[in-house]
């Protein structure tokens, strides 16, 4: 069975949250449950949520973590370099834009992510790639030909690097040396905006061309 992917655009920054189901009936995982998660919460009423995976811990990607974790009793996975961000509104950025949201904090993640880790969830294998640049602990998840890139790579765009811990050189390296190494047919599901493909970005992304 191919991965079944549903997208929810959540919160004032229209963050993409992904609900994924695999070969195990009635089970699902969530990638990046953003702010104002009511539509997602309604959708998962009858599903067992095995895990919440975070590509990174900026407020617009983790705003729904606590509500869903308490509702479903599921663990949260986050890269070790951002282990303090869920509990600290200053680190997760929610204190920077008071007009967008109040300071956000949750309990810490139950599990640490690291480069090369393979997660066995919903009957599928998700490989973790550390892709820093937008934030120091940004990761991308690859399952078969589906890549969840968070705020690293967008359709004809890239993540911003002017937030604490961001670094343009790291972002370019992550895209050119990690993400662009995948097959051209790999479908990219970004943290914001429409999906794309690795081959398309290598040809058309104006910010990070493929290495010659």
N, C-alpha and C. Protein backbone atom coordinates (compact mmCIF):
# COMPACT_ATOMS: atom_id res chain seq x y z
N UNK A 1 0.84 -1.20 0.00
CA UNK A 1 0.00 0.00 0.00
C UNK A 1 0.87 1.24 0.00
N UNK A 2 0.56 2.17 -0.89
CA UNK A 2 1.29 3.43 -0.92
C UNK A 2 0.88 4.29 0.27
N UNK A 3 1.77 5.18 0.63
CA UNK A 3 1.49 6.11 1.71
C UNK A 3 0.28 6.98 1.33
N UNK A 4 -0.67 7.08 2.24
CA UNK A 4 -1.85 7.93 2.01
C UNK A 4 -1.63 9.23 2.76
N UNK A 5 -1.63 10.34 2.03
CA UNK A 5 -1.23 11.64 2.58
C UNK A 5 -2.39 12.63 2.48
N UNK A 6 -2.75 13.20 3.63
CA UNK A 6 -3.75 14.28 3.66
C UNK A 6 -3.07 15.53 4.20
N UNK A 7 -3.37 16.68 3.59
CA UNK A 7 -2.74 17.94 3.95
C UNK A 7 -3.76 18.87 4.60
N UNK A 8 -3.36 19.50 5.69
CA UNK A 8 -4.19 20.48 6.39
C UNK A 8 -3.39 21.78 6.50
N UNK A 9 -3.93 22.87 5.99
CA UNK A 9 -3.28 24.17 6.08
C UNK A 9 -3.79 24.85 7.34
N UNK A 10 -2.91 24.98 8.34
CA UNK A 10 -3.34 25.38 9.67
C UNK A 10 -2.72 26.71 10.11
N UNK A 11 -3.53 27.49 10.84
CA UNK A 11 -3.03 28.67 11.51
C UNK A 11 -2.83 29.87 10.61
N UNK A 12 -2.45 31.00 11.19
CA UNK A 12 -2.33 32.24 10.43
C UNK A 12 -1.22 32.22 9.39
N UNK A 13 -0.24 31.33 9.54
CA UNK A 13 0.84 31.24 8.55
C UNK A 13 0.61 30.12 7.55
N UNK A 14 -0.58 29.52 7.59
CA UNK A 14 -0.97 28.46 6.65
C UNK A 14 0.10 27.37 6.57
N UNK A 15 0.42 26.84 7.72
CA UNK A 15 1.43 25.79 7.81
C UNK A 15 0.82 24.46 7.39
N UNK A 16 1.55 23.71 6.58
CA UNK A 16 1.08 22.40 6.15
C UNK A 16 1.31 21.37 7.25
N UNK A 17 0.21 20.79 7.73
CA UNK A 17 0.28 19.62 8.60
C UNK A 17 -0.10 18.42 7.75
N UNK A 18 0.60 17.32 7.94
CA UNK A 18 0.37 16.13 7.13
C UNK A 18 -0.10 14.97 8.00
N UNK A 19 -1.20 14.37 7.59
CA UNK A 19 -1.73 13.17 8.22
C UNK A 19 -1.41 12.00 7.30
N UNK A 20 -0.64 11.05 7.80
CA UNK A 20 -0.15 9.96 6.97
C UNK A 20 -0.68 8.63 7.48
N UNK A 21 -1.17 7.83 6.54
CA UNK A 21 -1.58 6.46 6.86
C UNK A 21 -0.84 5.50 5.94
N UNK A 22 -0.47 4.35 6.48
CA UNK A 22 0.28 3.37 5.72
C UNK A 22 -0.45 2.05 5.63
N UNK A 23 0.27 0.96 5.86
CA UNK A 23 -0.31 -0.37 5.67
C UNK A 23 -1.04 -0.90 6.90
N UNK A 24 -0.94 -0.21 8.03
CA UNK A 24 -1.61 -0.66 9.24
C UNK A 24 -2.95 0.06 9.40
N UNK A 25 -4.02 -0.70 9.30
CA UNK A 25 -5.38 -0.15 9.31
C UNK A 25 -5.65 0.61 10.61
N UNK A 26 -6.22 1.80 10.47
CA UNK A 26 -6.65 2.56 11.63
C UNK A 26 -5.57 3.33 12.34
N UNK A 27 -4.32 3.24 11.84
CA UNK A 27 -3.20 3.94 12.47
C UNK A 27 -2.69 5.05 11.56
N UNK A 28 -2.18 6.10 12.17
CA UNK A 28 -1.67 7.24 11.41
C UNK A 28 -0.58 7.94 12.19
N UNK A 29 0.18 8.78 11.51
CA UNK A 29 1.09 9.69 12.16
C UNK A 29 0.82 11.09 11.63
N UNK A 30 1.30 12.08 12.36
CA UNK A 30 1.13 13.47 11.97
C UNK A 30 2.51 14.12 11.89
N UNK A 31 2.73 14.85 10.82
CA UNK A 31 3.95 15.66 10.69
C UNK A 31 3.56 17.13 10.82
N UNK A 32 4.11 17.81 11.80
CA UNK A 32 3.97 19.25 12.01
C UNK A 32 2.52 19.71 12.24
N UNK A 33 1.94 19.34 13.38
CA UNK A 33 0.60 19.85 13.68
C UNK A 33 0.66 21.32 14.08
N UNK A 34 0.25 22.20 13.19
CA UNK A 34 0.40 23.63 13.41
C UNK A 34 -0.66 24.22 14.29
N UNK A 35 -0.72 25.54 14.30
CA UNK A 35 -1.65 26.27 15.14
C UNK A 35 -3.09 26.09 14.65
N UNK A 36 -4.03 26.29 15.57
CA UNK A 36 -5.46 26.19 15.26
C UNK A 36 -5.77 24.85 14.57
N UNK A 37 -5.51 23.74 15.27
CA UNK A 37 -5.58 22.42 14.61
C UNK A 37 -6.96 21.78 14.58
N UNK A 38 -8.02 22.54 14.79
CA UNK A 38 -9.36 21.94 14.89
C UNK A 38 -9.72 21.03 13.72
N UNK A 39 -9.47 21.41 12.46
CA UNK A 39 -9.82 20.50 11.36
C UNK A 39 -9.07 19.17 11.44
N UNK A 40 -7.81 19.22 11.84
CA UNK A 40 -7.02 18.00 11.98
C UNK A 40 -7.51 17.17 13.15
N UNK A 41 -7.82 17.81 14.27
CA UNK A 41 -8.33 17.10 15.44
C UNK A 41 -9.63 16.37 15.10
N UNK A 42 -10.49 17.03 14.37
CA UNK A 42 -11.76 16.39 13.96
C UNK A 42 -11.50 15.18 13.08
N UNK A 43 -10.54 15.30 12.18
CA UNK A 43 -10.26 14.21 11.23
C UNK A 43 -9.71 12.98 11.91
N UNK A 44 -8.96 13.13 13.00
CA UNK A 44 -8.30 11.98 13.63
C UNK A 44 -9.11 11.35 14.75
N UNK A 45 -10.38 11.76 14.87
CA UNK A 45 -11.19 11.28 15.98
C UNK A 45 -11.20 9.76 16.10
N UNK A 46 -11.26 9.07 14.98
CA UNK A 46 -11.36 7.61 15.00
C UNK A 46 -10.05 6.92 14.63
N UNK A 47 -8.95 7.65 14.64
CA UNK A 47 -7.67 7.07 14.28
C UNK A 47 -6.76 6.95 15.50
N UNK A 48 -5.93 5.91 15.50
CA UNK A 48 -4.88 5.80 16.49
C UNK A 48 -3.67 6.54 15.94
N UNK A 49 -3.20 7.55 16.66
CA UNK A 49 -2.04 8.32 16.22
C UNK A 49 -0.80 7.73 16.89
N UNK A 50 0.07 7.15 16.08
CA UNK A 50 1.26 6.50 16.62
C UNK A 50 2.33 7.50 17.05
N UNK A 51 2.41 8.63 16.35
CA UNK A 51 3.47 9.57 16.66
C UNK A 51 3.19 10.92 16.02
N UNK A 52 3.77 11.95 16.61
CA UNK A 52 3.87 13.27 15.99
C UNK A 52 5.34 13.49 15.64
N UNK A 53 5.62 13.73 14.37
CA UNK A 53 6.98 14.01 13.92
C UNK A 53 7.10 15.50 13.62
N UNK A 54 8.12 16.14 14.13
CA UNK A 54 8.34 17.55 13.88
C UNK A 54 9.57 17.75 13.00
N UNK A 55 9.37 18.47 11.89
CA UNK A 55 10.52 18.80 11.05
C UNK A 55 11.41 19.82 11.75
N UNK A 56 10.81 20.65 12.58
CA UNK A 56 11.54 21.60 13.43
C UNK A 56 10.53 22.18 14.41
N UNK A 57 11.00 23.00 15.34
CA UNK A 57 10.13 23.41 16.45
C UNK A 57 9.78 24.89 16.43
N UNK A 58 9.66 25.50 15.26
CA UNK A 58 9.10 26.84 15.22
C UNK A 58 7.62 26.80 15.57
N UNK A 59 7.12 27.89 16.14
CA UNK A 59 5.78 27.90 16.73
C UNK A 59 4.67 27.51 15.76
N UNK A 60 4.82 27.90 14.50
CA UNK A 60 3.75 27.62 13.55
C UNK A 60 3.70 26.15 13.14
N UNK A 61 4.72 25.40 13.49
CA UNK A 61 4.73 23.96 13.18
C UNK A 61 4.38 23.09 14.39
N UNK A 62 4.47 23.67 15.60
CA UNK A 62 4.22 22.87 16.80
C UNK A 62 3.04 23.37 17.63
N UNK A 63 2.27 24.32 17.08
CA UNK A 63 1.18 24.91 17.84
C UNK A 63 0.11 23.93 18.29
N UNK A 64 -0.08 22.84 17.54
CA UNK A 64 -1.11 21.86 17.89
C UNK A 64 -0.59 20.65 18.63
N UNK A 65 0.69 20.66 18.98
CA UNK A 65 1.31 19.47 19.59
C UNK A 65 0.62 19.05 20.88
N UNK A 66 0.45 19.99 21.80
CA UNK A 66 -0.03 19.61 23.13
C UNK A 66 -1.46 19.11 23.09
N UNK A 67 -2.30 19.77 22.31
CA UNK A 67 -3.70 19.34 22.22
C UNK A 67 -3.80 17.92 21.67
N UNK A 68 -3.07 17.64 20.62
CA UNK A 68 -3.15 16.32 20.00
C UNK A 68 -2.46 15.27 20.86
N UNK A 69 -1.33 15.62 21.47
CA UNK A 69 -0.63 14.66 22.32
C UNK A 69 -1.51 14.24 23.51
N UNK A 70 -2.18 15.20 24.13
CA UNK A 70 -3.06 14.88 25.26
C UNK A 70 -4.28 14.08 24.80
N UNK A 71 -4.81 14.43 23.65
CA UNK A 71 -6.00 13.76 23.14
C UNK A 71 -5.72 12.31 22.76
N UNK A 72 -4.57 12.07 22.14
CA UNK A 72 -4.28 10.76 21.57
C UNK A 72 -3.21 9.98 22.34
N UNK A 73 -2.56 10.61 23.31
CA UNK A 73 -1.53 9.90 24.07
C UNK A 73 -0.36 9.44 23.23
N UNK A 74 0.01 10.24 22.26
CA UNK A 74 1.07 9.84 21.31
C UNK A 74 2.36 10.59 21.61
N UNK A 75 3.50 9.96 21.32
CA UNK A 75 4.79 10.61 21.56
C UNK A 75 5.15 11.59 20.45
N UNK A 76 6.05 12.51 20.80
CA UNK A 76 6.55 13.52 19.87
C UNK A 76 8.03 13.26 19.60
N UNK A 77 8.42 13.39 18.34
CA UNK A 77 9.81 13.20 17.91
C UNK A 77 10.35 14.53 17.40
N UNK A 78 11.57 14.90 17.87
CA UNK A 78 12.18 16.17 17.50
C UNK A 78 13.70 16.02 17.55
N UNK A 79 14.40 16.72 16.66
CA UNK A 79 15.86 16.65 16.67
C UNK A 79 16.43 17.19 17.98
N UNK A 80 17.51 16.57 18.42
CA UNK A 80 18.11 16.92 19.71
C UNK A 80 18.56 18.38 19.78
N UNK A 81 18.95 18.97 18.66
CA UNK A 81 19.43 20.35 18.68
C UNK A 81 18.34 21.35 19.02
N UNK A 82 17.08 20.91 18.97
CA UNK A 82 15.98 21.80 19.33
C UNK A 82 15.19 21.24 20.51
N UNK A 83 15.84 20.44 21.32
CA UNK A 83 15.13 19.76 22.42
C UNK A 83 14.51 20.73 23.42
N UNK A 84 15.06 21.95 23.53
CA UNK A 84 14.52 22.92 24.48
C UNK A 84 13.48 23.85 23.85
N UNK A 85 13.30 23.77 22.56
CA UNK A 85 12.46 24.75 21.88
C UNK A 85 10.98 24.61 22.20
N UNK A 86 10.50 23.39 22.41
CA UNK A 86 9.07 23.21 22.68
C UNK A 86 8.68 23.88 23.99
N UNK A 87 9.57 23.88 24.95
CA UNK A 87 9.26 24.41 26.27
C UNK A 87 9.58 25.90 26.40
N UNK A 88 10.23 26.47 25.40
CA UNK A 88 10.73 27.84 25.51
C UNK A 88 10.15 28.73 24.39
N UNK A 89 9.20 29.61 24.71
CA UNK A 89 8.59 30.46 23.69
C UNK A 89 9.58 31.35 22.96
N UNK A 90 10.64 31.76 23.64
CA UNK A 90 11.63 32.60 22.97
C UNK A 90 12.36 31.83 21.88
N UNK A 91 12.70 30.57 22.17
CA UNK A 91 13.42 29.77 21.18
C UNK A 91 12.51 29.37 20.02
N UNK A 92 11.25 29.01 20.29
CA UNK A 92 10.38 28.57 19.19
C UNK A 92 9.79 29.74 18.40
N UNK A 93 10.11 30.96 18.80
CA UNK A 93 9.74 32.12 18.00
C UNK A 93 8.39 32.73 18.30
N UNK A 94 7.64 32.14 19.21
CA UNK A 94 6.28 32.63 19.43
C UNK A 94 6.22 33.96 20.17
N UNK A 95 7.33 34.41 20.74
CA UNK A 95 7.35 35.73 21.37
C UNK A 95 7.67 36.85 20.38
N UNK A 96 8.08 36.48 19.18
CA UNK A 96 8.52 37.49 18.21
C UNK A 96 7.35 38.18 17.51
N UNK A 97 6.22 37.51 17.39
CA UNK A 97 5.08 38.05 16.67
C UNK A 97 3.83 37.99 17.54
N UNK A 98 3.72 38.87 18.55
CA UNK A 98 2.57 38.83 19.45
C UNK A 98 1.24 39.06 18.74
N UNK A 99 1.30 39.70 17.57
CA UNK A 99 0.06 39.90 16.82
C UNK A 99 -0.42 38.63 16.15
N UNK A 100 0.46 37.64 16.04
CA UNK A 100 0.12 36.37 15.40
C UNK A 100 -0.34 35.33 16.42
N UNK A 101 0.35 35.27 17.55
CA UNK A 101 -0.01 34.26 18.54
C UNK A 101 0.55 34.64 19.91
N UNK A 102 -0.01 34.09 20.97
CA UNK A 102 0.58 34.28 22.29
C UNK A 102 1.82 33.40 22.43
N UNK A 103 2.61 33.60 23.46
CA UNK A 103 3.76 32.71 23.68
C UNK A 103 3.29 31.26 23.82
N UNK A 104 3.96 30.36 23.09
CA UNK A 104 3.57 28.95 23.08
C UNK A 104 4.65 28.10 23.75
N UNK A 105 4.20 27.15 24.54
CA UNK A 105 5.13 26.16 25.09
C UNK A 105 4.39 24.86 25.32
N UNK A 106 5.10 23.75 25.19
CA UNK A 106 4.55 22.43 25.44
C UNK A 106 5.56 21.66 26.28
N UNK A 107 5.18 20.46 26.67
CA UNK A 107 6.16 19.58 27.29
C UNK A 107 7.20 19.17 26.27
N UNK A 108 8.34 18.67 26.72
CA UNK A 108 9.40 18.27 25.80
C UNK A 108 9.00 17.05 24.96
N UNK A 109 9.75 16.83 23.88
CA UNK A 109 9.52 15.66 23.04
C UNK A 109 9.91 14.39 23.79
N UNK A 110 9.21 13.31 23.48
CA UNK A 110 9.53 12.02 24.11
C UNK A 110 10.74 11.35 23.48
N UNK A 111 10.95 11.61 22.17
CA UNK A 111 12.04 10.93 21.46
C UNK A 111 12.87 11.93 20.67
N UNK A 112 14.17 11.67 20.63
CA UNK A 112 15.11 12.50 19.87
C UNK A 112 15.28 11.95 18.46
N UNK A 113 15.42 12.86 17.52
CA UNK A 113 15.74 12.50 16.14
C UNK A 113 17.21 12.81 15.86
N UNK A 114 17.79 12.02 14.97
CA UNK A 114 19.17 12.24 14.55
C UNK A 114 19.33 11.79 13.11
N UNK A 115 20.31 12.34 12.43
CA UNK A 115 20.55 12.01 11.03
C UNK A 115 20.77 10.51 10.87
N UNK A 116 20.10 9.92 9.88
CA UNK A 116 20.27 8.51 9.57
C UNK A 116 19.35 7.58 10.32
N UNK A 117 18.61 8.11 11.29
CA UNK A 117 17.68 7.28 12.05
C UNK A 117 16.57 6.78 11.13
N UNK A 118 16.16 5.54 11.33
CA UNK A 118 15.03 4.99 10.60
C UNK A 118 13.90 4.68 11.58
N UNK A 119 12.73 5.25 11.32
CA UNK A 119 11.57 5.06 12.17
C UNK A 119 10.61 4.08 11.52
N UNK A 120 10.19 3.09 12.27
CA UNK A 120 9.20 2.13 11.78
C UNK A 120 7.84 2.53 12.36
N UNK A 121 7.02 3.14 11.53
CA UNK A 121 5.72 3.65 11.96
C UNK A 121 4.67 3.35 10.90
N UNK A 122 3.47 3.11 11.33
CA UNK A 122 2.30 2.81 10.47
C UNK A 122 2.64 1.78 9.39
N UNK A 123 3.51 0.85 9.70
CA UNK A 123 3.89 -0.17 8.73
C UNK A 123 4.83 0.30 7.65
N UNK A 124 5.41 1.49 7.82
CA UNK A 124 6.30 2.08 6.82
C UNK A 124 7.62 2.47 7.49
N UNK A 125 8.61 2.74 6.65
CA UNK A 125 9.91 3.19 7.16
C UNK A 125 10.14 4.64 6.78
N UNK A 126 10.42 5.46 7.77
CA UNK A 126 10.72 6.87 7.56
C UNK A 126 12.18 7.10 7.91
N UNK A 127 12.97 7.55 6.96
CA UNK A 127 14.37 7.84 7.22
C UNK A 127 14.55 9.33 7.51
N UNK A 128 15.32 9.62 8.54
CA UNK A 128 15.53 10.98 9.00
C UNK A 128 16.82 11.54 8.40
N UNK A 129 16.72 12.73 7.82
CA UNK A 129 17.89 13.44 7.30
C UNK A 129 17.99 14.78 8.01
N UNK A 130 19.12 15.04 8.63
CA UNK A 130 19.35 16.34 9.27
C UNK A 130 19.64 17.36 8.18
N UNK A 131 18.78 18.36 8.06
CA UNK A 131 18.89 19.36 6.99
C UNK A 131 18.84 20.77 7.58
N UNK A 132 19.89 21.16 8.31
CA UNK A 132 19.88 22.46 8.98
C UNK A 132 20.01 23.62 8.00
N UNK A 133 19.76 24.80 8.53
CA UNK A 133 19.87 26.02 7.74
C UNK A 133 18.72 26.96 8.06
N UNK A 134 17.49 26.48 7.91
CA UNK A 134 16.34 27.26 8.35
C UNK A 134 16.33 27.35 9.86
N UNK A 135 16.63 26.24 10.49
CA UNK A 135 16.84 26.17 11.94
C UNK A 135 17.89 25.10 12.20
N UNK A 136 18.54 25.11 13.35
CA UNK A 136 19.66 24.18 13.55
C UNK A 136 19.26 22.72 13.60
N UNK A 137 18.03 22.45 14.03
CA UNK A 137 17.60 21.06 14.14
C UNK A 137 16.60 20.64 13.08
N UNK A 138 16.53 21.38 11.99
CA UNK A 138 15.60 21.01 10.91
C UNK A 138 15.94 19.62 10.37
N UNK A 139 14.90 18.81 10.17
CA UNK A 139 15.08 17.51 9.55
C UNK A 139 14.07 17.34 8.42
N UNK A 140 14.39 16.42 7.52
CA UNK A 140 13.47 16.01 6.47
C UNK A 140 13.23 14.52 6.62
N UNK A 141 12.01 14.09 6.31
CA UNK A 141 11.63 12.69 6.43
C UNK A 141 11.37 12.11 5.04
N UNK A 142 12.01 10.99 4.73
CA UNK A 142 11.82 10.34 3.44
C UNK A 142 11.17 8.98 3.66
N UNK A 143 10.03 8.78 2.99
CA UNK A 143 9.35 7.49 3.02
C UNK A 143 9.05 7.09 1.58
N UNK A 144 9.78 6.10 1.09
CA UNK A 144 9.63 5.75 -0.32
C UNK A 144 10.01 6.92 -1.20
N UNK A 145 9.06 7.38 -2.02
CA UNK A 145 9.30 8.52 -2.90
C UNK A 145 8.65 9.79 -2.39
N UNK A 146 8.32 9.82 -1.11
CA UNK A 146 7.68 11.00 -0.52
C UNK A 146 8.62 11.63 0.50
N UNK A 147 8.88 12.92 0.32
CA UNK A 147 9.81 13.66 1.17
C UNK A 147 9.07 14.80 1.86
N UNK A 148 9.21 14.87 3.18
CA UNK A 148 8.60 15.93 3.97
C UNK A 148 9.72 16.85 4.43
N UNK A 149 9.79 18.05 3.83
CA UNK A 149 10.99 18.88 3.92
C UNK A 149 10.86 20.03 4.92
N UNK A 150 9.73 20.15 5.61
CA UNK A 150 9.57 21.26 6.54
C UNK A 150 9.78 22.59 5.83
N UNK A 151 10.56 23.49 6.46
CA UNK A 151 10.80 24.80 5.86
C UNK A 151 12.18 24.90 5.22
N UNK A 152 12.69 23.77 4.74
CA UNK A 152 13.99 23.78 4.07
C UNK A 152 13.81 24.09 2.59
N UNK A 153 12.98 23.32 1.91
CA UNK A 153 12.79 23.45 0.46
C UNK A 153 11.31 23.60 0.15
N UNK A 154 10.98 24.65 -0.63
CA UNK A 154 9.63 24.88 -1.10
C UNK A 154 9.60 24.79 -2.63
N UNK A 155 8.40 24.86 -3.18
CA UNK A 155 8.30 24.93 -4.64
C UNK A 155 8.86 26.28 -5.09
N UNK A 156 9.98 26.24 -5.80
CA UNK A 156 10.68 27.42 -6.29
C UNK A 156 11.01 28.39 -5.16
N UNK A 157 11.33 27.85 -4.00
CA UNK A 157 11.69 28.69 -2.88
C UNK A 157 12.47 27.89 -1.84
N UNK A 158 12.96 28.59 -0.84
CA UNK A 158 13.69 27.97 0.26
C UNK A 158 13.27 28.64 1.56
N UNK A 159 13.61 28.02 2.67
CA UNK A 159 13.28 28.58 3.96
C UNK A 159 14.12 29.80 4.29
N UNK A 160 13.56 30.68 5.11
CA UNK A 160 14.29 31.87 5.54
C UNK A 160 15.39 31.46 6.51
N UNK A 161 16.43 32.27 6.54
CA UNK A 161 17.58 31.95 7.40
C UNK A 161 17.90 33.07 8.38
N UNK A 162 16.97 34.03 8.54
CA UNK A 162 17.23 35.18 9.39
C UNK A 162 16.66 35.03 10.79
N UNK A 163 16.18 33.85 11.15
CA UNK A 163 15.69 33.58 12.49
C UNK A 163 16.82 32.99 13.33
N UNK A 164 16.71 33.03 14.66
CA UNK A 164 17.79 32.51 15.51
C UNK A 164 18.19 31.08 15.13
N UNK A 165 19.48 30.88 14.94
CA UNK A 165 19.99 29.57 14.58
C UNK A 165 19.99 29.28 13.09
N UNK A 166 19.41 30.20 12.30
CA UNK A 166 19.41 30.00 10.85
C UNK A 166 20.74 30.36 10.24
N UNK A 167 21.05 29.71 9.13
CA UNK A 167 22.34 29.98 8.48
C UNK A 167 22.22 29.63 7.00
N UNK A 168 22.40 30.63 6.14
CA UNK A 168 22.18 30.43 4.70
C UNK A 168 23.12 29.37 4.13
N UNK A 169 24.37 29.40 4.53
CA UNK A 169 25.32 28.43 3.99
C UNK A 169 24.90 27.00 4.31
N UNK A 170 24.41 26.78 5.53
CA UNK A 170 23.95 25.45 5.91
C UNK A 170 22.73 25.03 5.09
N UNK A 171 21.82 25.99 4.86
CA UNK A 171 20.62 25.68 4.10
C UNK A 171 20.97 25.24 2.68
N UNK A 172 21.83 25.99 2.02
CA UNK A 172 22.23 25.65 0.65
C UNK A 172 22.91 24.28 0.63
N UNK A 173 23.76 24.04 1.63
CA UNK A 173 24.43 22.74 1.70
C UNK A 173 23.41 21.61 1.88
N UNK A 174 22.43 21.82 2.74
CA UNK A 174 21.42 20.79 2.98
C UNK A 174 20.65 20.45 1.72
N UNK A 175 20.33 21.48 0.95
CA UNK A 175 19.55 21.25 -0.26
C UNK A 175 20.41 20.62 -1.36
N UNK A 176 21.56 21.21 -1.62
CA UNK A 176 22.39 20.72 -2.72
C UNK A 176 22.96 19.33 -2.44
N UNK A 177 23.38 19.07 -1.23
CA UNK A 177 24.10 17.84 -0.93
C UNK A 177 23.23 16.71 -0.38
N UNK A 178 22.07 17.06 0.17
CA UNK A 178 21.19 16.02 0.71
C UNK A 178 19.93 15.88 -0.14
N UNK A 179 19.12 16.92 -0.19
CA UNK A 179 17.83 16.78 -0.86
C UNK A 179 17.98 16.58 -2.37
N UNK A 180 18.92 17.29 -3.00
CA UNK A 180 19.09 17.13 -4.44
C UNK A 180 19.77 15.81 -4.81
N UNK A 181 20.20 15.04 -3.80
CA UNK A 181 20.78 13.73 -4.09
C UNK A 181 19.71 12.67 -4.30
N UNK A 182 18.45 13.00 -3.96
CA UNK A 182 17.37 12.05 -4.13
C UNK A 182 16.94 12.00 -5.60
N UNK A 183 16.20 10.96 -5.94
CA UNK A 183 15.68 10.81 -7.29
C UNK A 183 14.86 12.02 -7.71
N UNK A 184 14.95 12.36 -8.99
CA UNK A 184 14.16 13.48 -9.52
C UNK A 184 12.67 13.26 -9.32
N UNK A 185 12.25 12.02 -9.19
CA UNK A 185 10.83 11.72 -9.06
C UNK A 185 10.30 11.81 -7.63
N UNK A 186 11.20 12.05 -6.68
CA UNK A 186 10.75 12.19 -5.29
C UNK A 186 9.85 13.41 -5.16
N UNK A 187 8.67 13.21 -4.55
CA UNK A 187 7.70 14.29 -4.36
C UNK A 187 7.99 14.98 -3.03
N UNK A 188 8.09 16.31 -3.09
CA UNK A 188 8.43 17.11 -1.91
C UNK A 188 7.15 17.70 -1.33
N UNK A 189 6.92 17.42 -0.06
CA UNK A 189 5.79 17.99 0.69
C UNK A 189 6.36 19.01 1.68
N UNK A 190 6.27 20.30 1.36
CA UNK A 190 6.94 21.32 2.18
C UNK A 190 6.07 21.79 3.34
N UNK A 191 6.69 22.62 4.19
CA UNK A 191 5.99 23.15 5.35
C UNK A 191 4.97 24.22 5.01
N UNK A 192 5.08 24.82 3.83
CA UNK A 192 4.14 25.83 3.37
C UNK A 192 4.03 25.70 1.85
N UNK A 193 2.85 25.97 1.33
CA UNK A 193 2.68 26.01 -0.11
C UNK A 193 2.51 24.65 -0.75
N UNK A 194 2.50 24.62 -2.10
CA UNK A 194 2.20 23.39 -2.83
C UNK A 194 3.38 22.44 -2.87
N UNK A 195 3.06 21.20 -3.16
CA UNK A 195 4.11 20.19 -3.29
C UNK A 195 4.86 20.39 -4.60
N UNK A 196 6.00 19.74 -4.70
CA UNK A 196 6.82 19.85 -5.91
C UNK A 196 7.60 18.55 -6.06
N UNK A 197 8.58 18.53 -6.94
CA UNK A 197 9.44 17.35 -7.11
C UNK A 197 10.90 17.78 -7.10
N UNK A 198 11.75 16.88 -6.67
CA UNK A 198 13.17 17.18 -6.62
C UNK A 198 13.70 17.58 -7.99
N UNK A 199 13.34 16.84 -9.02
CA UNK A 199 13.82 17.16 -10.37
C UNK A 199 13.40 18.54 -10.82
N UNK A 200 12.18 18.94 -10.48
CA UNK A 200 11.69 20.26 -10.86
C UNK A 200 12.49 21.35 -10.15
N UNK A 201 12.77 21.14 -8.88
CA UNK A 201 13.52 22.16 -8.13
C UNK A 201 14.96 22.27 -8.62
N UNK A 202 15.56 21.15 -8.96
CA UNK A 202 16.93 21.20 -9.48
C UNK A 202 17.00 22.03 -10.77
N UNK A 203 15.93 22.02 -11.52
CA UNK A 203 15.90 22.75 -12.79
C UNK A 203 15.43 24.19 -12.63
N UNK A 204 14.52 24.44 -11.67
CA UNK A 204 13.81 25.72 -11.66
C UNK A 204 13.94 26.55 -10.39
N UNK A 205 14.49 25.99 -9.32
CA UNK A 205 14.56 26.76 -8.08
C UNK A 205 15.56 27.90 -8.25
N UNK A 206 15.13 29.17 -8.13
CA UNK A 206 16.04 30.29 -8.39
C UNK A 206 17.04 30.55 -7.27
N UNK A 207 16.83 29.94 -6.11
CA UNK A 207 17.70 30.21 -4.96
C UNK A 207 18.82 29.20 -4.81
N UNK A 208 18.54 27.95 -5.16
CA UNK A 208 19.56 26.91 -5.00
C UNK A 208 19.57 26.04 -6.26
N UNK A 209 20.48 26.33 -7.21
CA UNK A 209 20.56 25.50 -8.40
C UNK A 209 21.23 24.17 -8.07
N UNK A 210 21.02 23.20 -8.91
CA UNK A 210 21.71 21.92 -8.75
C UNK A 210 23.21 22.15 -8.98
N UNK A 211 24.01 21.37 -8.27
CA UNK A 211 25.45 21.47 -8.45
C UNK A 211 25.83 21.00 -9.84
N UNK A 212 26.71 21.75 -10.49
CA UNK A 212 27.10 21.38 -11.87
C UNK A 212 28.24 20.36 -11.81
